[in-house]
Amino acid sequence: MVRIRLRRVGSAHQASYRVIVADKESPRDGRFIEIIGQYNPRTSPGTIIFQEDRVFHWLSVGAQPSESVLKLFKTVQLLDRFERFKKGEELANLLAEADSVYKTRVVDPRTSTSSNKA
């Protein structure tokens, strides 16, 4: 079975994640099929970027998102657009709408630290 899941990148205590398509049996940081997005929880709010055309492709051929990726999809309302895609709405319109969603999210580029420094 093919899963859409997170792959950890970054050094210790500075984690960010890539959203990948991989076989369910592959280890977390092992083999993958394709990178379809990224997630950085250290910015405020977290930076979430998807290649939605590729996400729609993988969801339409049966890939199952993990629980954490499903939460990210809901954050950027990707599942709503995917339902409209399945009903026959134009992909170009949905991608234009997605671009506007990503551009309206104001993200502070400074990252938070894991320790509390005074």
PDB file of N, CA and C in Angstrom:
ATOM      1  N   MET A   1       0.841  -1.172   0.000  1.00  0.00           N
ATOM      2  CA  MET A   1       0.000   0.000   0.000  1.00  0.00           C
ATOM      3  C   MET A   1       0.894   1.247   0.000  1.00  0.00           C
ATOM      4  N   VAL A   2       0.472   2.266  -0.709  1.00  0.00           N
ATOM      5  CA  VAL A   2       1.217   3.516  -0.804  1.00  0.00           C
ATOM      6  C   VAL A   2       0.634   4.508   0.193  1.00  0.00           C
ATOM      7  N   ARG A   3       1.530   5.180   0.939  1.00  0.00           N
ATOM      8  CA  ARG A   3       1.119   6.156   1.947  1.00  0.00           C
ATOM      9  C   ARG A   3       1.691   7.524   1.622  1.00  0.00           C
ATOM     10  N   ILE A   4       0.977   8.564   2.003  1.00  0.00           N
ATOM     11  CA  ILE A   4       1.488   9.930   1.983  1.00  0.00           C
ATOM     12  C   ILE A   4       1.820  10.238   3.432  1.00  0.00           C
ATOM     13  N   ARG A   5       3.092  10.527   3.713  1.00  0.00           N
ATOM     14  CA  ARG A   5       3.511  10.702   5.098  1.00  0.00           C
ATOM     15  C   ARG A   5       4.660  11.693   5.210  1.00  0.00           C
ATOM     16  N   LEU A   6       5.081  11.943   6.429  1.00  0.00           N
ATOM     17  CA  LEU A   6       6.145  12.896   6.694  1.00  0.00           C
ATOM     18  C   LEU A   6       7.499  12.186   6.773  1.00  0.00           C
ATOM     19  N   ARG A   7       8.524  12.887   6.310  1.00  0.00           N
ATOM     20  CA  ARG A   7       9.905  12.416   6.435  1.00  0.00           C
ATOM     21  C   ARG A   7      10.685  13.521   7.126  1.00  0.00           C
ATOM     22  N   ARG A   8      11.321  13.203   8.230  1.00  0.00           N
ATOM     23  CA  ARG A   8      12.023  14.206   9.035  1.00  0.00           C
ATOM     24  C   ARG A   8      13.333  14.594   8.363  1.00  0.00           C
ATOM     25  N   VAL A   9      13.585  15.906   8.286  1.00  0.00           N
ATOM     26  CA  VAL A   9      14.854  16.436   7.804  1.00  0.00           C
ATOM     27  C   VAL A   9      15.291  17.526   8.777  1.00  0.00           C
ATOM     28  N   GLY A  10      16.531  17.934   8.702  1.00  0.00           N
ATOM     29  CA  GLY A  10      17.036  18.969   9.597  1.00  0.00           C
ATOM     30  C   GLY A  10      17.875  18.365  10.697  1.00  0.00           C
ATOM     31  N   SER A  11      18.615  19.220  11.365  1.00  0.00           N
ATOM     32  CA  SER A  11      19.504  18.737  12.416  1.00  0.00           C
ATOM     33  C   SER A  11      18.741  18.539  13.727  1.00  0.00           C
ATOM     34  N   ALA A  12      19.443  18.095  14.728  1.00  0.00           N
ATOM     35  CA  ALA A  12      18.826  17.829  16.023  1.00  0.00           C
ATOM     36  C   ALA A  12      18.181  19.097  16.574  1.00  0.00           C
ATOM     37  N   HIS A  13      16.986  18.982  17.078  1.00  0.00           N
ATOM     38  CA  HIS A  13      16.212  20.064  17.670  1.00  0.00           C
ATOM     39  C   HIS A  13      15.820  21.148  16.667  1.00  0.00           C
ATOM     40  N   GLN A  14      16.002  20.905  15.385  1.00  0.00           N
ATOM     41  CA  GLN A  14      15.595  21.856  14.354  1.00  0.00           C
ATOM     42  C   GLN A  14      14.886  21.111  13.234  1.00  0.00           C
ATOM     43  N   ALA A  15      13.915  20.335  13.590  1.00  0.00           N
ATOM     44  CA  ALA A  15      13.256  19.464  12.632  1.00  0.00           C
ATOM     45  C   ALA A  15      12.336  20.250  11.701  1.00  0.00           C
ATOM     46  N   SER A  16      12.340  19.833  10.455  1.00  0.00           N
ATOM     47  CA  SER A  16      11.310  20.200   9.506  1.00  0.00           C
ATOM     48  C   SER A  16      11.019  18.905   8.753  1.00  0.00           C
ATOM     49  N   TYR A  17       9.983  18.903   7.961  1.00  0.00           N
ATOM     50  CA  TYR A  17       9.532  17.653   7.362  1.00  0.00           C
ATOM     51  C   TYR A  17       9.259  17.835   5.882  1.00  0.00           C
ATOM     52  N   ARG A  18       9.483  16.776   5.128  1.00  0.00           N
ATOM     53  CA  ARG A  18       9.052  16.705   3.743  1.00  0.00           C
ATOM     54  C   ARG A  18       7.835  15.806   3.708  1.00  0.00           C
ATOM     55  N   VAL A  19       6.881  16.148   2.884  1.00  0.00           N
ATOM     56  CA  VAL A  19       5.714  15.299   2.687  1.00  0.00           C
ATOM     57  C   VAL A  19       6.044  14.419   1.486  1.00  0.00           C
ATOM     58  N   ILE A  20       6.061  13.119   1.703  1.00  0.00           N
ATOM     59  CA  ILE A  20       6.495  12.189   0.662  1.00  0.00           C
ATOM     60  C   ILE A  20       5.428  11.141   0.388  1.00  0.00           C
ATOM     61  N   VAL A  21       5.571  10.511  -0.757  1.00  0.00           N
ATOM     62  CA  VAL A  21       4.780   9.336  -1.106  1.00  0.00           C
ATOM     63  C   VAL A  21       5.736   8.156  -1.007  1.00  0.00           C
ATOM     64  N   ALA A  22       5.379   7.163  -0.201  1.00  0.00           N
ATOM     65  CA  ALA A  22       6.266   6.020   0.010  1.00  0.00           C
ATOM     66  C   ALA A  22       5.444   4.759   0.237  1.00  0.00           C
ATOM     67  N   ASP A  23       6.089   3.639   0.039  1.00  0.00           N
ATOM     68  CA  ASP A  23       5.468   2.359   0.366  1.00  0.00           C
ATOM     69  C   ASP A  23       5.294   2.282   1.873  1.00  0.00           C
ATOM     70  N   LYS A  24       4.226   1.666   2.311  1.00  0.00           N
ATOM     71  CA  LYS A  24       3.925   1.584   3.738  1.00  0.00           C
ATOM     72  C   LYS A  24       5.030   0.880   4.518  1.00  0.00           C
ATOM     73  N   GLU A  25       5.717  -0.054   3.885  1.00  0.00           N
ATOM     74  CA  GLU A  25       6.740  -0.848   4.562  1.00  0.00           C
ATOM     75  C   GLU A  25       8.083  -0.130   4.675  1.00  0.00           C
ATOM     76  N   SER A  26       8.296   0.951   3.954  1.00  0.00           N
ATOM     77  CA  SER A  26       9.573   1.664   3.992  1.00  0.00           C
ATOM     78  C   SER A  26       9.747   2.369   5.331  1.00  0.00           C
ATOM     79  N   PRO A  27      10.991   2.458   5.848  1.00  0.00           N
ATOM     80  CA  PRO A  27      11.222   3.169   7.104  1.00  0.00           C
ATOM     81  C   PRO A  27      10.963   4.667   6.949  1.00  0.00           C
ATOM     82  N   ARG A  28      10.822   5.375   8.063  1.00  0.00           N
ATOM     83  CA  ARG A  28      10.453   6.790   8.055  1.00  0.00           C
ATOM     84  C   ARG A  28      11.373   7.618   7.169  1.00  0.00           C
ATOM     85  N   ASP A  29      12.679   7.427   7.292  1.00  0.00           N
ATOM     86  CA  ASP A  29      13.625   8.204   6.501  1.00  0.00           C
ATOM     87  C   ASP A  29      14.263   7.370   5.396  1.00  0.00           C
ATOM     88  N   GLY A  30      13.583   6.313   4.978  1.00  0.00           N
ATOM     89  CA  GLY A  30      14.121   5.421   3.956  1.00  0.00           C
ATOM     90  C   GLY A  30      13.641   5.771   2.557  1.00  0.00           C
ATOM     91  N   ARG A  31      13.465   4.744   1.749  1.00  0.00           N
ATOM     92  CA  ARG A  31      13.085   4.928   0.352  1.00  0.00           C
ATOM     93  C   ARG A  31      11.727   5.592   0.236  1.00  0.00           C
ATOM     94  N   PHE A  32      11.598   6.418  -0.804  1.00  0.00           N
ATOM     95  CA  PHE A  32      10.327   7.053  -1.094  1.00  0.00           C
ATOM     96  C   PHE A  32      10.149   7.141  -2.597  1.00  0.00           C
ATOM     97  N   ILE A  33       8.935   7.405  -3.026  1.00  0.00           N
ATOM     98  CA  ILE A  33       8.619   7.489  -4.449  1.00  0.00           C
ATOM     99  C   ILE A  33       8.744   8.924  -4.951  1.00  0.00           C
ATOM    100  N   GLU A  34       8.161   9.875  -4.202  1.00  0.00           N
ATOM    101  CA  GLU A  34       8.147  11.260  -4.664  1.00  0.00           C
ATOM    102  C   GLU A  34       7.979  12.217  -3.482  1.00  0.00           C
ATOM    103  N   ILE A  35       8.586  13.388  -3.575  1.00  0.00           N
ATOM    104  CA  ILE A  35       8.389  14.455  -2.594  1.00  0.00           C
ATOM    105  C   ILE A  35       7.282  15.351  -3.135  1.00  0.00           C
ATOM    106  N   ILE A  36       6.228  15.563  -2.329  1.00  0.00           N
ATOM    107  CA  ILE A  36       5.095  16.360  -2.810  1.00  0.00           C
ATOM    108  C   ILE A  36       4.814  17.575  -1.946  1.00  0.00           C
ATOM    109  N   GLY A  37       5.655  17.839  -0.953  1.00  0.00           N
ATOM    110  CA  GLY A  37       5.425  19.020  -0.135  1.00  0.00           C
ATOM    111  C   GLY A  37       6.434  19.133   0.976  1.00  0.00           C
ATOM    112  N   GLN A  38       6.233  20.172   1.781  1.00  0.00           N
ATOM    113  CA  GLN A  38       7.099  20.374   2.939  1.00  0.00           C
ATOM    114  C   GLN A  38       6.306  21.015   4.066  1.00  0.00           C
ATOM    115  N   TYR A  39       6.802  20.798   5.292  1.00  0.00           N
ATOM    116  CA  TYR A  39       6.148  21.320   6.490  1.00  0.00           C
ATOM    117  C   TYR A  39       7.222  21.722   7.476  1.00  0.00           C
ATOM    118  N   ASN A  40       7.171  22.983   7.932  1.00  0.00           N
ATOM    119  CA  ASN A  40       8.106  23.470   8.942  1.00  0.00           C
ATOM    120  C   ASN A  40       7.290  23.939  10.138  1.00  0.00           C
ATOM    121  N   PRO A  41       7.230  23.140  11.217  1.00  0.00           N
ATOM    122  CA  PRO A  41       6.434  23.511  12.381  1.00  0.00           C
ATOM    123  C   PRO A  41       7.095  24.588  13.242  1.00  0.00           C
ATOM    124  N   ARG A  42       8.328  24.968  12.945  1.00  0.00           N
ATOM    125  CA  ARG A  42       9.058  25.900  13.799  1.00  0.00           C
ATOM    126  C   ARG A  42       8.735  27.354  13.497  1.00  0.00           C
ATOM    127  N   THR A  43       8.067  27.647  12.394  1.00  0.00           N
ATOM    128  CA  THR A  43       7.656  29.022  12.112  1.00  0.00           C
ATOM    129  C   THR A  43       6.291  29.262  12.741  1.00  0.00           C
ATOM    130  N   SER A  44       5.884  30.513  12.789  1.00  0.00           N
ATOM    131  CA  SER A  44       4.610  30.834  13.425  1.00  0.00           C
ATOM    132  C   SER A  44       3.699  31.538  12.431  1.00  0.00           C
ATOM    133  N   PRO A  45       2.608  30.963  11.968  1.00  0.00           N
ATOM    134  CA  PRO A  45       2.205  29.549  12.075  1.00  0.00           C
ATOM    135  C   PRO A  45       3.104  28.673  11.207  1.00  0.00           C
ATOM    136  N   GLY A  46       2.962  27.373  11.339  1.00  0.00           N
ATOM    137  CA  GLY A  46       3.809  26.449  10.594  1.00  0.00           C
ATOM    138  C   GLY A  46       3.697  26.657   9.092  1.00  0.00           C
ATOM    139  N   THR A  47       4.836  26.546   8.399  1.00  0.00           N
ATOM    140  CA  THR A  47       4.859  26.681   6.954  1.00  0.00           C
ATOM    141  C   THR A  47       4.435  25.356   6.337  1.00  0.00           C
ATOM    142  N   ILE A  48       3.395  25.395   5.510  1.00  0.00           N
ATOM    143  CA  ILE A  48       2.887  24.194   4.850  1.00  0.00           C
ATOM    144  C   ILE A  48       2.820  24.492   3.357  1.00  0.00           C
ATOM    145  N   ILE A  49       3.521  23.691   2.549  1.00  0.00           N
ATOM    146  CA  ILE A  49       3.517  23.863   1.102  1.00  0.00           C
ATOM    147  C   ILE A  49       3.297  22.499   0.461  1.00  0.00           C
ATOM    148  N   PHE A  50       2.320  22.422  -0.451  1.00  0.00           N
ATOM    149  CA  PHE A  50       2.044  21.190  -1.184  1.00  0.00           C
ATOM    150  C   PHE A  50       2.074  21.451  -2.679  1.00  0.00           C
ATOM    151  N   GLN A  51       2.483  20.454  -3.455  1.00  0.00           N
ATOM    152  CA  GLN A  51       2.286  20.454  -4.902  1.00  0.00           C
ATOM    153  C   GLN A  51       0.932  19.783  -5.107  1.00  0.00           C
ATOM    154  N   GLU A  52      -0.114  20.584  -5.132  1.00  0.00           N
ATOM    155  CA  GLU A  52      -1.452  20.018  -5.066  1.00  0.00           C
ATOM    156  C   GLU A  52      -1.817  19.163  -6.266  1.00  0.00           C
ATOM    157  N   ASP A  53      -1.285  19.452  -7.449  1.00  0.00           N
ATOM    158  CA  ASP A  53      -1.585  18.595  -8.586  1.00  0.00           C
ATOM    159  C   ASP A  53      -1.068  17.184  -8.359  1.00  0.00           C
ATOM    160  N   ARG A  54       0.121  17.057  -7.753  1.00  0.00           N
ATOM    161  CA  ARG A  54       0.677  15.732  -7.454  1.00  0.00           C
ATOM    162  C   ARG A  54      -0.071  15.065  -6.298  1.00  0.00           C
ATOM    163  N   VAL A  55      -0.495  15.849  -5.324  1.00  0.00           N
ATOM    164  CA  VAL A  55      -1.278  15.290  -4.221  1.00  0.00           C
ATOM    165  C   VAL A  55      -2.587  14.725  -4.768  1.00  0.00           C
ATOM    166  N   PHE A  56      -3.259  15.485  -5.646  1.00  0.00           N
ATOM    167  CA  PHE A  56      -4.509  15.010  -6.243  1.00  0.00           C
ATOM    168  C   PHE A  56      -4.271  13.721  -7.031  1.00  0.00           C
ATOM    169  N   HIS A  57      -3.159  13.660  -7.761  1.00  0.00           N
ATOM    170  CA  HIS A  57      -2.850  12.447  -8.520  1.00  0.00           C
ATOM    171  C   HIS A  57      -2.717  11.247  -7.592  1.00  0.00           C
ATOM    172  N   TRP A  58      -1.912  11.397  -6.534  1.00  0.00           N
ATOM    173  CA  TRP A  58      -1.674  10.257  -5.651  1.00  0.00           C
ATOM    174  C   TRP A  58      -2.924   9.861  -4.878  1.00  0.00           C
ATOM    175  N   LEU A  59      -3.726  10.827  -4.462  1.00  0.00           N
ATOM    176  CA  LEU A  59      -4.977  10.484  -3.782  1.00  0.00           C
ATOM    177  C   LEU A  59      -5.939   9.780  -4.734  1.00  0.00           C
ATOM    178  N   SER A  60      -5.956  10.191  -6.002  1.00  0.00           N
ATOM    179  CA  SER A  60      -6.886   9.583  -6.956  1.00  0.00           C
ATOM    180  C   SER A  60      -6.484   8.161  -7.337  1.00  0.00           C
ATOM    181  N   VAL A  61      -5.189   7.810  -7.198  1.00  0.00           N
ATOM    182  CA  VAL A  61      -4.781   6.440  -7.505  1.00  0.00           C
ATOM    183  C   VAL A  61      -4.744   5.559  -6.260  1.00  0.00           C
ATOM    184  N   GLY A  62      -5.205   6.084  -5.113  1.00  0.00           N
ATOM    185  CA  GLY A  62      -5.387   5.244  -3.943  1.00  0.00           C
ATOM    186  C   GLY A  62      -4.393   5.402  -2.811  1.00  0.00           C
ATOM    187  N   ALA A  63      -3.504   6.372  -2.861  1.00  0.00           N
ATOM    188  CA  ALA A  63      -2.569   6.574  -1.753  1.00  0.00           C
ATOM    189  C   ALA A  63      -3.340   7.054  -0.528  1.00  0.00           C
ATOM    190  N   GLN A  64      -2.963   6.551   0.641  1.00  0.00           N
ATOM    191  CA  GLN A  64      -3.630   6.901   1.892  1.00  0.00           C
ATOM    192  C   GLN A  64      -2.755   7.836   2.713  1.00  0.00           C
ATOM    193  N   PRO A  65      -3.274   9.010   3.107  1.00  0.00           N
ATOM    194  CA  PRO A  65      -2.472   9.909   3.948  1.00  0.00           C
ATOM    195  C   PRO A  65      -2.398   9.406   5.389  1.00  0.00           C
ATOM    196  N   SER A  66      -1.268   9.673   6.043  1.00  0.00           N
ATOM    197  CA  SER A  66      -1.134   9.344   7.458  1.00  0.00           C
ATOM    198  C   SER A  66      -1.969  10.336   8.266  1.00  0.00           C
ATOM    199  N   GLU A  67      -2.118  10.081   9.560  1.00  0.00           N
ATOM    200  CA  GLU A  67      -2.921  10.964  10.403  1.00  0.00           C
ATOM    201  C   GLU A  67      -2.344  12.368  10.457  1.00  0.00           C
ATOM    202  N   SER A  68      -1.027  12.486  10.566  1.00  0.00           N
ATOM    203  CA  SER A  68      -0.408  13.809  10.647  1.00  0.00           C
ATOM    204  C   SER A  68      -0.548  14.567   9.326  1.00  0.00           C
ATOM    205  N   VAL A  69      -0.423  13.886   8.210  1.00  0.00           N
ATOM    206  CA  VAL A  69      -0.592  14.545   6.916  1.00  0.00           C
ATOM    207  C   VAL A  69      -2.052  14.931   6.711  1.00  0.00           C
ATOM    208  N   LEU A  70      -2.960  14.117   7.192  1.00  0.00           N
ATOM    209  CA  LEU A  70      -4.387  14.441   7.095  1.00  0.00           C
ATOM    210  C   LEU A  70      -4.695  15.738   7.837  1.00  0.00           C
ATOM    211  N   LYS A  71      -4.062  15.948   8.988  1.00  0.00           N
ATOM    212  CA  LYS A  71      -4.245  17.205   9.720  1.00  0.00           C
ATOM    213  C   LYS A  71      -3.714  18.385   8.919  1.00  0.00           C
ATOM    214  N   LEU A  72      -2.569  18.201   8.245  1.00  0.00           N
ATOM    215  CA  LEU A  72      -2.020  19.274   7.418  1.00  0.00           C
ATOM    216  C   LEU A  72      -2.940  19.576   6.238  1.00  0.00           C
ATOM    217  N   PHE A  73      -3.496  18.518   5.631  1.00  0.00           N
ATOM    218  CA  PHE A  73      -4.447  18.711   4.527  1.00  0.00           C
ATOM    219  C   PHE A  73      -5.641  19.535   4.992  1.00  0.00           C
ATOM    220  N   LYS A  74      -6.146  19.239   6.181  1.00  0.00           N
ATOM    221  CA  LYS A  74      -7.296  19.981   6.697  1.00  0.00           C
ATOM    222  C   LYS A  74      -6.943  21.424   7.002  1.00  0.00           C
ATOM    223  N   THR A  75      -5.710  21.673   7.434  1.00  0.00           N
ATOM    224  CA  THR A  75      -5.272  23.033   7.744  1.00  0.00           C
ATOM    225  C   THR A  75      -5.332  23.935   6.518  1.00  0.00           C
ATOM    226  N   VAL A  76      -4.926  23.415   5.367  1.00  0.00           N
ATOM    227  CA  VAL A  76      -4.934  24.219   4.134  1.00  0.00           C
ATOM    228  C   VAL A  76      -6.149  23.919   3.261  1.00  0.00           C
ATOM    229  N   GLN A  77      -7.141  23.196   3.793  1.00  0.00           N
ATOM    230  CA  GLN A  77      -8.396  22.852   3.120  1.00  0.00           C
ATOM    231  C   GLN A  77      -8.183  22.094   1.815  1.00  0.00           C
ATOM    232  N   LEU A  78      -7.147  21.281   1.754  1.00  0.00           N
ATOM    233  CA  LEU A  78      -6.845  20.524   0.558  1.00  0.00           C
ATOM    234  C   LEU A  78      -7.891  19.450   0.286  1.00  0.00           C
ATOM    235  N   LEU A  79      -8.418  18.834   1.323  1.00  0.00           N
ATOM    236  CA  LEU A  79      -9.401  17.772   1.116  1.00  0.00           C
ATOM    237  C   LEU A  79     -10.695  18.303   0.501  1.00  0.00           C
ATOM    238  N   ASP A  80     -11.074  19.534   0.855  1.00  0.00           N
ATOM    239  CA  ASP A  80     -12.262  20.134   0.247  1.00  0.00           C
ATOM    240  C   ASP A  80     -12.051  20.313  -1.256  1.00  0.00           C
ATOM    241  N   ARG A  81     -10.874  20.800  -1.640  1.00  0.00           N
ATOM    242  CA  ARG A  81     -10.579  20.978  -3.061  1.00  0.00           C
ATOM    243  C   ARG A  81     -10.500  19.631  -3.772  1.00  0.00           C
ATOM    244  N   PHE A  82      -9.986  18.599  -3.092  1.00  0.00           N
ATOM    245  CA  PHE A  82      -9.911  17.274  -3.714  1.00  0.00           C
ATOM    246  C   PHE A  82     -11.317  16.720  -3.974  1.00  0.00           C
ATOM    247  N   GLU A  83     -12.237  16.925  -3.044  1.00  0.00           N
ATOM    248  CA  GLU A  83     -13.618  16.475  -3.262  1.00  0.00           C
ATOM    249  C   GLU A  83     -14.219  17.168  -4.481  1.00  0.00           C
ATOM    250  N   ARG A  84     -13.949  18.468  -4.628  1.00  0.00           N
ATOM    251  CA  ARG A  84     -14.454  19.195  -5.794  1.00  0.00           C
ATOM    252  C   ARG A  84     -13.776  18.708  -7.073  1.00  0.00           C
ATOM    253  N   PHE A  85     -12.498  18.324  -6.984  1.00  0.00           N
ATOM    254  CA  PHE A  85     -11.778  17.768  -8.125  1.00  0.00           C
ATOM    255  C   PHE A  85     -12.420  16.457  -8.565  1.00  0.00           C
ATOM    256  N   LYS A  86     -12.789  15.611  -7.602  1.00  0.00           N
ATOM    257  CA  LYS A  86     -13.428  14.335  -7.929  1.00  0.00           C
ATOM    258  C   LYS A  86     -14.795  14.535  -8.578  1.00  0.00           C
ATOM    259  N   LYS A  87     -15.470  15.632  -8.222  1.00  0.00           N
ATOM    260  CA  LYS A  87     -16.786  15.906  -8.800  1.00  0.00           C
ATOM    261  C   LYS A  87     -16.700  16.509 -10.199  1.00  0.00           C
ATOM    262  N   GLY A  88     -15.472  16.845 -10.644  1.00  0.00           N
ATOM    263  CA  GLY A  88     -15.301  17.298 -12.010  1.00  0.00           C
ATOM    264  C   GLY A  88     -14.908  18.752 -12.191  1.00  0.00           C
ATOM    265  N   GLU A  89     -14.607  19.458 -11.124  1.00  0.00           N
ATOM    266  CA  GLU A  89     -14.187  20.844 -11.262  1.00  0.00           C
ATOM    267  C   GLU A  89     -12.799  20.908 -11.905  1.00  0.00           C
ATOM    268  N   GLU A  90     -12.555  21.964 -12.655  1.00  0.00           N
ATOM    269  CA  GLU A  90     -11.290  22.127 -13.374  1.00  0.00           C
ATOM    270  C   GLU A  90     -10.101  22.195 -12.426  1.00  0.00           C
ATOM    271  N   LEU A  91      -9.037  21.470 -12.764  1.00  0.00           N
ATOM    272  CA  LEU A  91      -7.826  21.452 -11.952  1.00  0.00           C
ATOM    273  C   LEU A  91      -7.164  22.829 -11.906  1.00  0.00           C
ATOM    274  N   ALA A  92      -7.184  23.546 -13.027  1.00  0.00           N
ATOM    275  CA  ALA A  92      -6.554  24.870 -13.074  1.00  0.00           C
ATOM    276  C   ALA A  92      -7.219  25.831 -12.083  1.00  0.00           C
ATOM    277  N   ASN A  93      -8.553  25.777 -11.980  1.00  0.00           N
ATOM    278  CA  ASN A  93      -9.265  26.636 -11.033  1.00  0.00           C
ATOM    279  C   ASN A  93      -8.905  26.287  -9.590  1.00  0.00           C
ATOM    280  N   LEU A  94      -8.821  25.006  -9.305  1.00  0.00           N
ATOM    281  CA  LEU A  94      -8.493  24.563  -7.958  1.00  0.00           C
ATOM    282  C   LEU A  94      -7.065  24.944  -7.575  1.00  0.00           C
ATOM    283  N   LEU A  95      -6.134  24.825  -8.533  1.00  0.00           N
ATOM    284  CA  LEU A  95      -4.748  25.194  -8.247  1.00  0.00           C
ATOM    285  C   LEU A  95      -4.607  26.694  -8.046  1.00  0.00           C
ATOM    286  N   ALA A  96      -5.371  27.498  -8.792  1.00  0.00           N
ATOM    287  CA  ALA A  96      -5.347  28.952  -8.595  1.00  0.00           C
ATOM    288  C   ALA A  96      -5.889  29.308  -7.218  1.00  0.00           C
ATOM    289  N   GLU A  97      -6.935  28.622  -6.804  1.00  0.00           N
ATOM    290  CA  GLU A  97      -7.492  28.842  -5.464  1.00  0.00           C
ATOM    291  C   GLU A  97      -6.479  28.445  -4.395  1.00  0.00           C
ATOM    292  N   ALA A  98      -5.781  27.337  -4.612  1.00  0.00           N
ATOM    293  CA  ALA A  98      -4.772  26.882  -3.654  1.00  0.00           C
ATOM    294  C   ALA A  98      -3.632  27.896  -3.545  1.00  0.00           C
ATOM    295  N   ASP A  99      -3.211  28.467  -4.675  1.00  0.00           N
ATOM    296  CA  ASP A  99      -2.145  29.479  -4.636  1.00  0.00           C
ATOM    297  C   ASP A  99      -2.567  30.672  -3.795  1.00  0.00           C
ATOM    298  N   SER A 100      -3.830  31.070  -3.913  1.00  0.00           N
ATOM    299  CA  SER A 100      -4.294  32.208  -3.121  1.00  0.00           C
ATOM    300  C   SER A 100      -4.327  31.864  -1.630  1.00  0.00           C
ATOM    301  N   VAL A 101      -4.654  30.621  -1.298  1.00  0.00           N
ATOM    302  CA  VAL A 101      -4.667  30.191   0.108  1.00  0.00           C
ATOM    303  C   VAL A 101      -3.256  30.249   0.681  1.00  0.00           C
ATOM    304  N   TYR A 102      -2.279  29.745  -0.076  1.00  0.00           N
ATOM    305  CA  TYR A 102      -0.907  29.735   0.409  1.00  0.00           C
ATOM    306  C   TYR A 102      -0.352  31.147   0.520  1.00  0.00           C
ATOM    307  N   LYS A 103      -0.735  32.042  -0.394  1.00  0.00           N
ATOM    308  CA  LYS A 103      -0.209  33.410  -0.373  1.00  0.00           C
ATOM    309  C   LYS A 103      -0.825  34.249   0.733  1.00  0.00           C
ATOM    310  N   THR A 104      -2.051  33.938   1.155  1.00  0.00           N
ATOM    311  CA  THR A 104      -2.684  34.727   2.204  1.00  0.00           C
ATOM    312  C   THR A 104      -2.228  34.322   3.598  1.00  0.00           C
ATOM    313  N   ARG A 105      -1.618  33.149   3.737  1.00  0.00           N
ATOM    314  CA  ARG A 105      -1.096  32.726   5.041  1.00  0.00           C
ATOM    315  C   ARG A 105       0.148  33.539   5.353  1.00  0.00           C
ATOM    316  N   VAL A 106       0.083  34.333   6.391  1.00  0.00           N
ATOM    317  CA  VAL A 106       1.226  35.146   6.803  1.00  0.00           C
ATOM    318  C   VAL A 106       2.070  34.324   7.759  1.00  0.00           C
ATOM    319  N   VAL A 107       3.308  34.090   7.366  1.00  0.00           N
ATOM    320  CA  VAL A 107       4.207  33.258   8.157  1.00  0.00           C
ATOM    321  C   VAL A 107       5.393  34.101   8.588  1.00  0.00           C
ATOM    322  N   ASP A 108       5.662  34.066   9.884  1.00  0.00           N
ATOM    323  CA  ASP A 108       6.844  34.734  10.417  1.00  0.00           C
ATOM    324  C   ASP A 108       8.047  33.840  10.109  1.00  0.00           C
ATOM    325  N   PRO A 109       9.023  34.333   9.315  1.00  0.00           N
ATOM    326  CA  PRO A 109      10.126  33.462   8.909  1.00  0.00           C
ATOM    327  C   PRO A 109      11.065  33.074  10.042  1.00  0.00           C
ATOM    328  N   ARG A 110      10.989  33.770  11.175  1.00  0.00           N
ATOM    329  CA  ARG A 110      11.845  33.399  12.310  1.00  0.00           C
ATOM    330  C   ARG A 110      11.362  32.081  12.879  1.00  0.00           C
ATOM    331  N   THR A 111      12.282  31.236  13.216  1.00  0.00           N
ATOM    332  CA  THR A 111      11.914  29.944  13.774  1.00  0.00           C
ATOM    333  C   THR A 111      12.022  29.987  15.276  1.00  0.00           C
ATOM    334  N   SER A 112      11.199  29.198  15.916  1.00  0.00           N
ATOM    335  CA  SER A 112      11.239  29.118  17.377  1.00  0.00           C
ATOM    336  C   SER A 112      12.342  28.176  17.802  1.00  0.00           C
ATOM    337  N   THR A 113      12.798  28.320  19.017  1.00  0.00           N
ATOM    338  CA  THR A 113      13.828  27.440  19.547  1.00  0.00           C
ATOM    339  C   THR A 113      13.180  26.472  20.526  1.00  0.00           C
ATOM    340  N   SER A 114      13.840  25.370  20.740  1.00  0.00           N
ATOM    341  CA  SER A 114      13.284  24.366  21.639  1.00  0.00           C
ATOM    342  C   SER A 114      13.568  24.677  23.106  1.00  0.00           C
ATOM    343  N   SER A 115      14.561  25.523  23.374  1.00  0.00           N
ATOM    344  CA  SER A 115      14.880  25.857  24.777  1.00  0.00           C
ATOM    345  C   SER A 115      14.337  27.235  25.105  1.00  0.00           C
ATOM    346  N   ASN A 116      14.075  27.466  26.358  1.00  0.00           N
ATOM    347  CA  ASN A 116      13.562  28.764  26.825  1.00  0.00           C
ATOM    348  C   ASN A 116      14.719  29.603  27.304  1.00  0.00           C
ATOM    349  N   LYS A 117      15.156  30.522  26.469  1.00  0.00           N
ATOM    350  CA  LYS A 117      16.257  31.411  26.832  1.00  0.00           C
ATOM    351  C   LYS A 117      15.688  32.751  27.268  1.00  0.00           C
ATOM    352  N   ALA A 118      16.235  33.317  28.318  1.00  0.00           N
ATOM    353  CA  ALA A 118      15.733  34.592  28.836  1.00  0.00           C
ATOM    354  C   ALA A 118      16.565  35.751  28.355  1.00  0.00           C
TER     355      ALA A 118
END
